[in-house]
């Protein structure tokens, strides 16, 4: 294996989806349907897994709750019974085949307790092993504005830079309290930064004091897009945080570990040419359906 090759991806999909309750009482958040760009609807996790594979990985590790294992196994690993498959139109039968093709690359890992994003990522450590990996959030759907998928753009930046990399996009000050932010020094103005600081949902005042980036229009900042390529040292930092009980807002977050990774090993921030759609809230999910549905209609 070449040094720096990104062969595995992690998708945390064990969150309960409190902001989407009571729908998430019966449908796991990552299994909610979204327009698939092919004229149909697909579970969000399928779209995220396809994004990971388009980034060049070989294995997609999905972190789930124990009680959701049967649903994810059925989705990716169990063929439809012949009588059901025969009832589907041609497009549906092709979708069934596509799911099994994706499933050949999918491994499922259980998060015993829903204890935050940092804990979910840590649960994948043994399956990832000692190599860099692509992390895609399980409540985002991604669309590139170029022929190169968003994940591929980030993997390419990691390969060129030789250190961890995160995708970023500009947001106004009014949104910073709902976003994770990054800041640093421009390496390629408007495209690539050397990250020096992360912050999870800061106030506008803190953002203006610590995270302002010159060259952005207006009162703008750089938010985390939901895609990361991380070196395996992140697991060591997460293990120390979990052992120390270092919770933030009641859960183990990944921000502190990202800060340490950045300080000790370096981290790049890429302004990705694409869009990230949040399905983790009612407003975000409805917006995703509207935008991706109308995009398909236009196409």
Protein backbone atom coordinates (compact mmCIF):
# COMPACT_ATOMS: atom_id res chain seq x y z
CA UNK A 1 0.00 0.00 0.00
CA UNK A 2 1.32 3.41 -0.90
CA UNK A 3 1.87 5.83 1.94
CA UNK A 4 -1.06 8.23 2.16
CA UNK A 5 -3.48 6.09 0.13
CA UNK A 6 -7.08 6.58 1.29
CA UNK A 7 -8.70 3.15 1.07
CA UNK A 8 -11.43 3.39 3.71
CA UNK A 9 -14.28 5.71 4.57
CA UNK A 10 -16.28 6.08 7.79
CA UNK A 11 -19.92 7.19 7.88
CA UNK A 12 -21.34 7.75 11.40
CA UNK A 13 -25.03 6.79 11.16
CA UNK A 14 -25.98 5.92 14.74
CA UNK A 15 -27.53 9.23 15.77
CA UNK A 16 -31.11 9.10 17.01
CA UNK A 17 -32.21 12.18 15.06
CA UNK A 18 -33.85 14.07 17.92
CA UNK A 19 -34.65 17.09 15.73
CA UNK A 20 -36.59 14.85 13.34
CA UNK A 21 -38.61 13.01 15.99
CA UNK A 22 -41.17 11.37 15.80
CA UNK A 23 -40.25 10.33 12.23
CA UNK A 24 -36.96 8.90 13.53
CA UNK A 25 -38.91 6.69 15.91
CA UNK A 26 -39.62 4.45 12.92
CA UNK A 27 -37.06 5.53 10.26
CA UNK A 28 -33.39 5.93 11.14
CA UNK A 29 -32.16 9.39 10.12
CA UNK A 30 -29.59 8.07 7.65
CA UNK A 31 -32.29 5.98 5.95
CA UNK A 32 -34.54 8.93 5.15
CA UNK A 33 -35.25 9.17 1.40
CA UNK A 34 -33.70 11.88 -0.77
CA UNK A 35 -33.79 12.45 -4.55
CA UNK A 36 -31.04 10.32 -6.06
CA UNK A 37 -30.41 12.26 -9.28
CA UNK A 38 -31.64 9.32 -11.33
CA UNK A 39 -35.35 10.01 -11.11
CA UNK A 40 -35.99 8.13 -7.89
CA UNK A 41 -35.55 8.27 -4.13
CA UNK A 42 -32.72 6.60 -2.23
CA UNK A 43 -31.83 6.33 1.46
CA UNK A 44 -29.48 9.15 2.36
CA UNK A 45 -26.82 6.68 3.52
CA UNK A 46 -26.77 5.12 0.06
CA UNK A 47 -26.01 8.51 -1.48
CA UNK A 48 -23.27 9.12 1.09
CA UNK A 49 -21.74 5.69 0.46
CA UNK A 50 -21.76 6.37 -3.29
CA UNK A 51 -20.01 9.67 -2.61
CA UNK A 52 -17.34 7.84 -0.62
CA UNK A 53 -16.78 5.29 -3.37
CA UNK A 54 -16.58 8.11 -5.92
CA UNK A 55 -13.78 9.49 -3.74
CA UNK A 56 -11.75 6.39 -4.55
CA UNK A 57 -12.08 4.32 -1.38
CA UNK A 58 -12.45 0.54 -1.37
CA UNK A 59 -14.30 0.02 1.93
CA UNK A 60 -17.13 2.03 3.47
CA UNK A 61 -17.52 1.57 7.24
CA UNK A 62 -20.96 2.60 8.49
CA UNK A 63 -21.32 3.08 12.26
CA UNK A 64 -24.84 2.16 13.42
CA UNK A 65 -26.89 1.39 16.53
CA UNK A 66 -27.25 -2.31 17.37
CA UNK A 67 -31.02 -2.12 16.90
CA UNK A 68 -30.54 -0.70 13.38
CA UNK A 69 -28.23 -3.48 12.17
CA UNK A 70 -31.05 -5.50 10.53
CA UNK A 71 -32.22 -2.51 8.49
CA UNK A 72 -28.72 -1.67 7.22
CA UNK A 73 -27.95 -5.32 6.50
CA UNK A 74 -31.18 -5.64 4.54
CA UNK A 75 -30.38 -2.50 2.57
CA UNK A 76 -26.85 -3.38 1.51
CA UNK A 77 -26.39 -7.13 1.94
CA UNK A 78 -29.67 -8.96 1.41
CA UNK A 79 -31.06 -9.47 -2.11
CA UNK A 80 -34.75 -8.83 -2.61
CA UNK A 81 -36.79 -12.03 -2.86
CA UNK A 82 -37.39 -12.91 -6.49
CA UNK A 83 -41.14 -12.32 -6.31
CA UNK A 84 -40.61 -8.78 -5.02
CA UNK A 85 -37.80 -8.02 -7.46
CA UNK A 86 -39.96 -9.08 -10.40
CA UNK A 87 -42.65 -6.56 -9.42
CA UNK A 88 -40.25 -3.64 -9.74
CA UNK A 89 -39.96 -1.65 -12.95
CA UNK A 90 -36.62 -1.79 -14.78
CA UNK A 91 -35.31 1.27 -12.93
CA UNK A 92 -36.20 -0.30 -9.59
CA UNK A 93 -34.48 -3.56 -10.47
CA UNK A 94 -31.36 -1.61 -11.45
CA UNK A 95 -31.49 0.19 -8.08
CA UNK A 96 -31.70 -3.17 -6.29
CA UNK A 97 -28.60 -4.35 -8.15
CA UNK A 98 -26.81 -1.09 -7.40
CA UNK A 99 -27.44 -1.49 -3.66
CA UNK A 100 -25.86 -4.95 -3.66
CA UNK A 101 -22.90 -3.64 -5.66
CA UNK A 102 -22.40 -0.91 -3.05
CA UNK A 103 -22.89 -3.47 -0.30
CA UNK A 104 -19.85 -5.42 -1.43
CA UNK A 105 -17.81 -2.49 -0.14
CA UNK A 106 -19.82 -1.87 3.06
CA UNK A 107 -18.89 -3.01 6.56
CA UNK A 108 -21.16 -2.30 9.53
CA UNK A 109 -19.80 -1.37 12.97
CA UNK A 110 -21.91 -0.91 16.11
CA UNK A 111 -21.71 2.12 18.40
CA UNK A 112 -22.87 0.68 21.77
CA UNK A 113 -23.94 4.05 23.19
CA UNK A 114 -24.90 7.14 21.23
CA UNK A 115 -22.26 9.35 22.81
CA UNK A 116 -21.46 11.89 20.11
CA UNK A 117 -19.58 12.13 16.83
CA UNK A 118 -16.17 11.66 18.43
CA UNK A 119 -17.29 8.41 20.05
CA UNK A 120 -18.89 7.18 16.79
CA UNK A 121 -15.66 7.75 14.86
CA UNK A 122 -13.65 6.07 17.63
CA UNK A 123 -15.84 2.96 17.31
CA UNK A 124 -14.46 2.48 13.76
CA UNK A 125 -10.80 2.48 14.84
CA UNK A 126 -10.18 -1.28 14.61
CA UNK A 127 -11.82 -1.59 11.21
CA UNK A 128 -9.95 1.44 9.86
CA UNK A 129 -6.61 0.28 11.21
CA UNK A 130 -3.48 2.41 11.10
CA UNK A 131 -4.13 4.30 7.88
CA UNK A 132 -5.72 7.57 6.80
CA UNK A 133 -9.44 7.48 6.17
CA UNK A 134 -12.23 9.54 4.65
CA UNK A 135 -14.92 10.68 7.09
CA UNK A 136 -18.33 11.69 5.72
CA UNK A 137 -21.05 12.84 8.09
CA UNK A 138 -24.16 10.69 8.06
CA UNK A 139 -26.62 13.60 8.01
CA UNK A 140 -25.30 15.33 4.90
CA UNK A 141 -25.84 14.73 1.18
CA UNK A 142 -23.23 16.09 -1.21
CA UNK A 143 -23.34 17.42 -4.77
CA UNK A 144 -20.31 18.58 -6.76
CA UNK A 145 -20.47 21.58 -9.07
CA UNK A 146 -17.78 20.03 -11.26
CA UNK A 147 -17.15 16.65 -12.84
CA UNK A 148 -15.01 15.74 -9.82
CA UNK A 149 -16.98 14.50 -6.79
CA UNK A 150 -16.54 16.52 -3.61
CA UNK A 151 -14.88 13.60 -1.81
CA UNK A 152 -12.43 13.13 -4.69
CA UNK A 153 -11.49 16.82 -4.52
CA UNK A 154 -10.64 16.41 -0.84
CA UNK A 155 -8.74 13.13 -1.26
CA UNK A 156 -6.68 14.77 -4.01
CA UNK A 157 -5.87 17.70 -1.70
CA UNK A 158 -4.77 15.25 1.02
CA UNK A 159 -2.60 13.34 -1.45
CA UNK A 160 -0.89 16.54 -2.62
CA UNK A 161 -0.47 18.00 0.85
CA UNK A 162 0.52 14.89 2.78
CA UNK A 163 -1.47 15.79 5.90
CA UNK A 164 -5.07 15.66 7.11
CA UNK A 165 -7.53 17.77 5.16
CA UNK A 166 -11.07 19.07 5.67
CA UNK A 167 -13.54 20.50 3.18
CA UNK A 168 -14.84 24.01 3.83
CA UNK A 169 -17.39 26.47 2.46
CA UNK A 170 -18.11 30.15 3.17
CA UNK A 171 -20.97 31.15 5.48
CA UNK A 172 -22.19 34.53 6.82
CA UNK A 173 -21.89 35.49 10.48
CA UNK A 174 -25.60 34.80 10.99
CA UNK A 175 -24.96 31.05 10.53
CA UNK A 176 -21.85 30.51 12.66
CA UNK A 177 -23.75 29.43 15.79
CA UNK A 178 -25.12 26.47 13.80
CA UNK A 179 -21.83 25.41 12.18
CA UNK A 180 -18.37 24.12 12.95
CA UNK A 181 -15.79 26.64 11.72
CA UNK A 182 -12.14 26.60 10.70
CA UNK A 183 -9.61 29.36 10.14
CA UNK A 184 -5.97 29.67 9.14
CA UNK A 185 -3.52 31.02 6.61
CA UNK A 186 -4.27 31.14 2.91
CA UNK A 187 -2.02 28.91 0.83
CA UNK A 188 -4.06 29.44 -2.34
CA UNK A 189 -6.36 32.44 -1.88
CA UNK A 190 -9.98 31.46 -2.18
CA UNK A 191 -9.15 27.75 -2.46
CA UNK A 192 -6.80 26.28 0.17
CA UNK A 193 -5.76 27.18 3.73
CA UNK A 194 -3.37 25.86 6.34
CA UNK A 195 -5.77 25.37 9.25
CA UNK A 196 -4.74 26.81 12.60
CA UNK A 197 -8.03 26.66 14.58
CA UNK A 198 -11.35 24.85 14.75
CA UNK A 199 -14.43 25.88 16.73
CA UNK A 200 -17.78 24.12 17.15
CA UNK A 201 -20.77 26.48 16.87
CA UNK A 202 -19.07 29.63 18.22
CA UNK A 203 -20.90 32.86 18.91
CA UNK A 204 -20.51 35.57 16.25
CA UNK A 205 -18.33 37.52 18.70
CA UNK A 206 -15.94 34.59 19.22
CA UNK A 207 -15.91 33.93 15.48
CA UNK A 208 -14.97 37.53 14.74
CA UNK A 209 -12.22 37.48 17.36
CA UNK A 210 -10.62 34.11 16.50
CA UNK A 211 -11.82 32.83 13.15
CA UNK A 212 -12.01 35.70 10.70
CA UNK A 213 -10.54 35.00 7.26
CA UNK A 214 -9.31 37.89 5.08
CA UNK A 215 -10.57 37.89 1.52
CA UNK A 216 -14.05 36.52 2.19
CA UNK A 217 -16.94 38.73 1.11
CA UNK A 218 -18.77 40.64 3.84
CA UNK A 219 -18.80 39.29 7.36
CA UNK A 220 -17.91 35.79 6.20
CA UNK A 221 -16.31 32.70 7.74
CA UNK A 222 -15.32 29.18 6.68
CA UNK A 223 -17.60 26.36 7.85
CA UNK A 224 -16.95 22.64 7.87
CA UNK A 225 -18.56 21.00 4.84
CA UNK A 226 -18.95 17.54 6.42
CA UNK A 227 -16.05 15.74 4.72
CA UNK A 228 -12.63 15.02 6.22
CA UNK A 229 -9.53 12.98 5.38
CA UNK A 230 -7.90 12.19 8.71
CA UNK A 231 -4.66 10.55 9.68
CA UNK A 232 -5.05 7.61 12.11
CA UNK A 233 -3.51 9.59 14.99
CA UNK A 234 -7.02 11.07 15.45
CA UNK A 235 -8.00 7.82 17.20
CA UNK A 236 -5.30 8.33 19.83
CA UNK A 237 -6.57 11.83 20.57
CA UNK A 238 -10.18 10.61 20.71
CA UNK A 239 -9.19 7.77 23.06
CA UNK A 240 -7.58 10.23 25.46
CA UNK A 241 -10.63 12.51 25.40
CA UNK A 242 -13.01 9.62 26.02
CA UNK A 243 -10.85 8.18 28.82
CA UNK A 244 -10.75 11.62 30.45
CA UNK A 245 -14.52 12.04 30.13
CA UNK A 246 -13.96 15.27 28.19
CA UNK A 247 -17.51 15.84 26.99
CA UNK A 248 -18.75 18.94 25.21
CA UNK A 249 -22.47 19.66 25.49
CA UNK A 250 -22.88 16.21 27.04
CA UNK A 251 -21.20 14.23 24.22
CA UNK A 252 -17.74 13.36 22.95
CA UNK A 253 -17.14 15.70 20.03
CA UNK A 254 -14.37 15.52 17.43
CA UNK A 255 -13.38 19.19 17.50
CA UNK A 256 -10.78 18.92 20.30
CA UNK A 257 -9.14 15.95 18.58
CA UNK A 258 -9.09 17.90 15.30
CA UNK A 259 -7.38 20.79 17.08
CA UNK A 260 -4.64 18.46 18.36
CA UNK A 261 -4.24 16.78 14.99
CA UNK A 262 -3.91 20.20 13.37
CA UNK A 263 -1.38 21.47 15.94
CA UNK A 264 0.80 18.34 16.00
CA UNK A 265 0.61 17.08 12.41
CA UNK A 266 -0.88 19.88 10.31
CA UNK A 267 -4.18 20.14 8.48
CA UNK A 268 -5.33 21.65 5.20
CA UNK A 269 -8.68 23.24 4.51
CA UNK A 270 -10.09 23.00 0.97
CA UNK A 271 -12.89 25.25 -0.27
CA UNK A 272 -14.73 22.51 -2.08
CA UNK A 273 -16.52 23.14 -5.37
CA UNK A 274 -19.83 21.66 -4.36
CA UNK A 275 -22.79 21.83 -2.01
CA UNK A 276 -23.55 20.06 1.27
CA UNK A 277 -27.20 19.50 2.20
CA UNK A 278 -28.12 18.98 5.85
CA UNK A 279 -30.84 16.39 6.50
CA UNK A 280 -30.48 16.49 10.30
CA UNK A 281 -33.25 19.01 10.96
CA UNK A 282 -36.79 19.50 9.67
CA UNK A 283 -35.82 22.70 7.86
CA UNK A 284 -32.66 21.18 6.41
CA UNK A 285 -34.38 18.00 5.28
CA UNK A 286 -37.23 19.84 3.58
CA UNK A 287 -34.73 22.19 1.92
CA UNK A 288 -32.74 19.19 0.67
CA UNK A 289 -35.85 17.61 -0.84
CA UNK A 290 -36.81 20.88 -2.50
CA UNK A 291 -33.40 21.70 -3.95
CA UNK A 292 -32.44 18.21 -5.11
CA UNK A 293 -35.94 17.52 -6.37
CA UNK A 294 -36.06 20.74 -8.38
CA UNK A 295 -32.52 20.13 -9.67
CA UNK A 296 -33.60 16.75 -11.03
CA UNK A 297 -36.67 18.34 -12.63
CA UNK A 298 -34.49 20.94 -14.36
CA UNK A 299 -32.10 18.26 -15.60
